[in-house]
Protein backbone atom coordinates (compact mmCIF):
# COMPACT_ATOMS: atom_id res chain seq x y z
CA UNK A 1 -81.27 -29.98 32.58
CA UNK A 2 -80.47 -26.28 32.23
CA UNK A 3 -76.97 -24.78 32.42
CA UNK A 4 -75.91 -22.41 35.23
CA UNK A 5 -74.05 -19.54 33.84
CA UNK A 6 -72.18 -17.32 36.28
CA UNK A 7 -71.42 -13.55 35.54
CA UNK A 8 -69.13 -11.58 37.70
CA UNK A 9 -67.42 -8.38 37.32
CA UNK A 10 -63.78 -8.17 38.58
CA UNK A 11 -60.86 -5.89 38.64
CA UNK A 12 -57.36 -6.82 37.60
CA UNK A 13 -56.55 -7.67 41.25
CA UNK A 14 -59.68 -9.71 41.53
CA UNK A 15 -61.91 -7.48 43.38
CA UNK A 16 -65.57 -7.97 43.07
CA UNK A 17 -66.99 -5.79 45.93
CA UNK A 18 -69.62 -3.15 45.07
CA UNK A 19 -69.13 -2.84 41.32
CA UNK A 20 -72.48 -1.03 40.77
CA UNK A 21 -72.59 1.90 43.18
CA UNK A 22 -70.81 3.70 46.27
CA UNK A 23 -73.23 2.40 48.74
CA UNK A 24 -73.83 -1.05 47.21
CA UNK A 25 -71.38 -2.87 49.80
CA UNK A 26 -69.28 -0.89 52.29
CA UNK A 27 -68.18 -3.94 54.25
CA UNK A 28 -64.67 -3.52 55.82
CA UNK A 29 -64.82 0.20 55.19
CA UNK A 30 -64.64 -0.13 51.47
CA UNK A 31 -64.94 3.22 49.75
CA UNK A 32 -64.37 2.52 46.17
CA UNK A 33 -67.63 1.11 45.13
CA UNK A 34 -69.15 2.13 41.70
CA UNK A 35 -66.11 1.06 39.69
CA UNK A 36 -67.89 -0.75 36.89
CA UNK A 37 -70.39 1.60 35.36
CA UNK A 38 -67.84 3.97 33.61
CA UNK A 39 -66.87 0.95 31.59
CA UNK A 40 -70.28 -0.11 30.35
CA UNK A 41 -70.78 0.03 26.52
CA UNK A 42 -72.91 -1.37 23.62
CA UNK A 43 -70.54 -4.22 23.39
CA UNK A 44 -71.38 -5.36 26.89
CA UNK A 45 -75.02 -4.86 26.45
CA UNK A 46 -75.17 -6.89 23.16
CA UNK A 47 -72.95 -9.77 24.95
CA UNK A 48 -75.17 -10.02 28.15
CA UNK A 49 -78.80 -9.69 26.50
CA UNK A 50 -78.26 -10.21 22.81
CA UNK A 51 -80.05 -7.08 22.51
CA UNK A 52 -83.13 -8.74 23.63
CA UNK A 53 -85.47 -8.05 26.61
CA UNK A 54 -86.76 -11.53 27.42
CA UNK A 55 -87.66 -13.71 30.47
CA UNK A 56 -84.94 -15.79 31.75
CA UNK A 57 -84.13 -17.77 35.07
CA UNK A 58 -81.68 -16.15 37.59
CA UNK A 59 -79.92 -17.46 40.83
CA UNK A 60 -78.84 -15.19 43.62
CA UNK A 61 -77.28 -15.34 47.02
CA UNK A 62 -79.12 -13.37 49.63
CA UNK A 63 -76.79 -10.39 49.74
CA UNK A 64 -76.81 -9.85 46.02
CA UNK A 65 -80.68 -10.32 45.85
CA UNK A 66 -81.07 -7.48 48.35
CA UNK A 67 -78.58 -5.19 46.75
CA UNK A 68 -80.31 -5.74 43.29
CA UNK A 69 -83.88 -5.33 44.68
CA UNK A 70 -82.81 -2.06 46.45
CA UNK A 71 -81.80 -0.63 43.05
CA UNK A 72 -83.19 -2.10 39.79
CA UNK A 73 -87.05 -2.28 40.18
CA UNK A 74 -86.80 1.67 40.43
CA UNK A 75 -84.86 2.09 37.25
CA UNK A 76 -87.76 2.24 34.81
CA UNK A 77 -85.63 3.68 31.99
CA UNK A 78 -83.01 0.81 31.89
CA UNK A 79 -83.62 -2.31 29.81
CA UNK A 80 -82.08 -4.49 32.47
CA UNK A 81 -84.82 -3.65 34.84
CA UNK A 82 -87.45 -5.11 32.60
CA UNK A 83 -85.38 -8.18 32.22
CA UNK A 84 -84.70 -8.67 35.91
CA UNK A 85 -88.46 -7.99 36.61
CA UNK A 86 -89.67 -10.74 34.17
CA UNK A 87 -87.16 -13.28 35.13
CA UNK A 88 -87.71 -16.04 37.53
CA UNK A 89 -85.45 -15.48 40.47
CA UNK A 90 -84.28 -18.13 42.66
CA UNK A 91 -82.65 -16.91 46.04
CA UNK A 92 -80.49 -19.15 48.26
CA UNK A 93 -80.81 -18.05 51.79
CA UNK A 94 -81.41 -19.46 55.21
CA UNK A 95 -82.30 -15.92 56.67
CA UNK A 96 -84.97 -14.69 54.14
CA UNK A 97 -88.55 -15.75 54.45
CA UNK A 98 -91.42 -16.15 51.99
CA UNK A 99 -93.00 -14.21 50.35
CA UNK A 100 -89.90 -12.47 49.06
CA UNK A 101 -90.55 -8.80 47.89
CA UNK A 102 -89.63 -8.88 44.30
CA UNK A 103 -91.95 -10.27 41.75
CA UNK A 104 -91.27 -13.69 40.31
CA UNK A 105 -88.86 -14.61 43.22
CA UNK A 106 -88.56 -17.95 44.71
CA UNK A 107 -86.75 -18.90 47.98
CA UNK A 108 -84.33 -21.83 48.00
CA UNK A 109 -83.71 -22.97 51.63
CA UNK A 110 -81.73 -25.85 53.19
CA UNK A 111 -78.38 -26.97 51.88
CA UNK A 112 -77.39 -24.54 48.87
CA UNK A 113 -75.61 -27.29 46.80
CA UNK A 114 -78.70 -29.58 47.10
CA UNK A 115 -81.28 -26.87 46.42
CA UNK A 116 -79.30 -25.50 43.39
CA UNK A 117 -78.94 -29.19 42.06
CA UNK A 118 -82.64 -29.63 42.20
CA UNK A 119 -83.41 -26.58 40.38
CA UNK A 120 -80.91 -27.34 37.70
CA UNK A 121 -82.62 -30.69 37.30
CA UNK A 122 -86.17 -29.17 36.94
CA UNK A 123 -85.38 -25.84 35.08
CA UNK A 124 -85.99 -26.11 31.38
CA UNK A 125 -83.94 -23.06 30.49
CA UNK A 126 -80.40 -21.81 31.21
CA UNK A 127 -80.11 -20.07 34.60
CA UNK A 128 -77.86 -17.10 35.16
CA UNK A 129 -76.01 -16.21 38.38
CA UNK A 130 -74.98 -12.57 39.01
CA UNK A 131 -72.42 -11.60 41.69
CA UNK A 132 -73.14 -13.89 44.73
CA UNK A 133 -69.50 -14.64 45.22
CA UNK A 134 -70.10 -16.94 48.45
CA UNK A 135 -72.62 -18.97 46.55
CA UNK A 136 -70.42 -19.32 43.58
CA UNK A 137 -67.54 -20.53 45.45
CA UNK A 138 -69.70 -23.37 47.03
CA UNK A 139 -71.08 -24.38 43.62
CA UNK A 140 -67.96 -24.37 41.50
CA UNK A 141 -66.06 -27.18 43.29
CA UNK A 142 -68.94 -29.69 42.83
CA UNK A 143 -69.52 -29.12 39.18
CA UNK A 144 -72.77 -27.05 39.34
CA UNK A 145 -71.48 -24.16 37.35
CA UNK A 146 -71.27 -24.92 33.70
CA UNK A 147 -69.73 -21.62 32.58
CA UNK A 148 -68.03 -18.70 34.46
CA UNK A 149 -68.12 -15.42 32.63
CA UNK A 150 -65.70 -12.78 34.04
CA UNK A 151 -65.89 -9.28 33.11
CA UNK A 152 -62.30 -8.32 33.64
CA UNK A 153 -62.05 -4.46 34.16
CA UNK A 154 -58.70 -2.67 33.50
CA UNK A 155 -58.52 -1.45 37.06
CA UNK A 156 -56.55 -2.01 40.16
CA UNK A 157 -58.19 -1.15 43.39
CA UNK A 158 -55.72 -2.56 45.74
CA UNK A 159 -58.34 -3.26 48.54
CA UNK A 160 -61.79 -5.04 48.69
CA UNK A 161 -63.42 -8.41 48.81
CA UNK A 162 -62.07 -10.67 46.05
CA UNK A 163 -63.89 -13.30 43.99
CA UNK A 164 -61.47 -15.97 45.12
CA UNK A 165 -59.83 -14.95 48.33
CA UNK A 166 -58.72 -18.61 48.97
CA UNK A 167 -60.03 -22.14 48.69
CA UNK A 168 -59.77 -25.06 46.44
CA UNK A 169 -57.66 -25.02 43.14
CA UNK A 170 -59.86 -24.86 40.23
CA UNK A 171 -58.65 -25.45 36.79
CA UNK A 172 -60.81 -23.77 33.85
CA UNK A 173 -60.72 -23.86 30.16
CA UNK A 174 -60.90 -20.49 28.28
CA UNK A 175 -63.48 -21.01 25.48
CA UNK A 176 -64.16 -17.40 24.25
CA UNK A 177 -63.04 -13.77 24.85
CA UNK A 178 -64.71 -10.51 23.76
CA UNK A 179 -63.15 -7.13 24.45
CA UNK A 180 -65.27 -4.04 24.75
CA UNK A 181 -64.52 -0.45 23.64
CA UNK A 182 -63.55 0.45 27.14
CA UNK A 183 -60.96 -2.25 27.56
CA UNK A 184 -63.07 -4.76 29.64
CA UNK A 185 -62.22 -8.48 28.72
CA UNK A 186 -65.37 -10.67 28.84
CA UNK A 187 -63.76 -14.06 29.34
CA UNK A 188 -65.77 -17.31 29.25
CA UNK A 189 -64.58 -20.49 31.11
CA UNK A 190 -65.77 -23.87 31.71
CA UNK A 191 -64.49 -26.41 34.13
CA UNK A 192 -61.47 -28.09 32.67
CA UNK A 193 -61.55 -31.62 31.40
CA UNK A 194 -64.67 -32.43 33.35
CA UNK A 195 -67.94 -33.79 32.13
CA UNK A 196 -70.65 -32.12 34.12
CA UNK A 197 -72.94 -35.12 34.44
CA UNK A 198 -70.00 -37.04 35.71
CA UNK A 199 -69.21 -34.61 38.20
CA UNK A 200 -72.74 -34.30 39.50
CA UNK A 201 -73.03 -38.10 39.73
CA UNK A 202 -69.77 -38.15 41.75
CA UNK A 203 -71.18 -35.88 44.34
CA UNK A 204 -74.47 -38.10 44.66
CA UNK A 205 -76.74 -36.01 42.58
CA UNK A 206 -79.40 -37.96 40.54
CA UNK A 207 -79.16 -38.43 36.65
CA UNK A 208 -80.52 -36.02 34.34
CA UNK A 209 -84.18 -36.64 33.37
């Protein structure tokens, strides 16, 4: 079974909306998009890629997938574009239909929890989830997220959609921190005191093969 590792950029007040660009997500009249790029540095690049451009497996919710597809395939001079193009991309959505427009993309329909659990059981490598806050909030409580990596930016916006606006209480163990040259804290968390296989079994998922 591969691990599912979630990456999310957040501000100090928990906002995750539109980190990449001004027009990325303007829901609710949000006008402060594009707050993350000024903080990008070599430390962040090395942490997220190891300095390598290689195929991986990725998981997206519909909105994040569409946002990424509208931008990254056109960024030919950016190493992240090659990574994203090469990667197997699983997209959880009841609205999208096959064929998906981005190369190496596969649609997961039906119940999100069951669909992602099935992919985890069959995927031979670790899978990375970027953004996709709604999907993340459905997968964390049932033990399907093995690591949550938060890129905590030294910035307070005061408005915008938050990663955890409400919902279940979740206790996490901090297992690693890295600080970038621009003051971003990259914090890695794992579900506190829980064995991932026991959690999966408790929710009726099959044993690992």
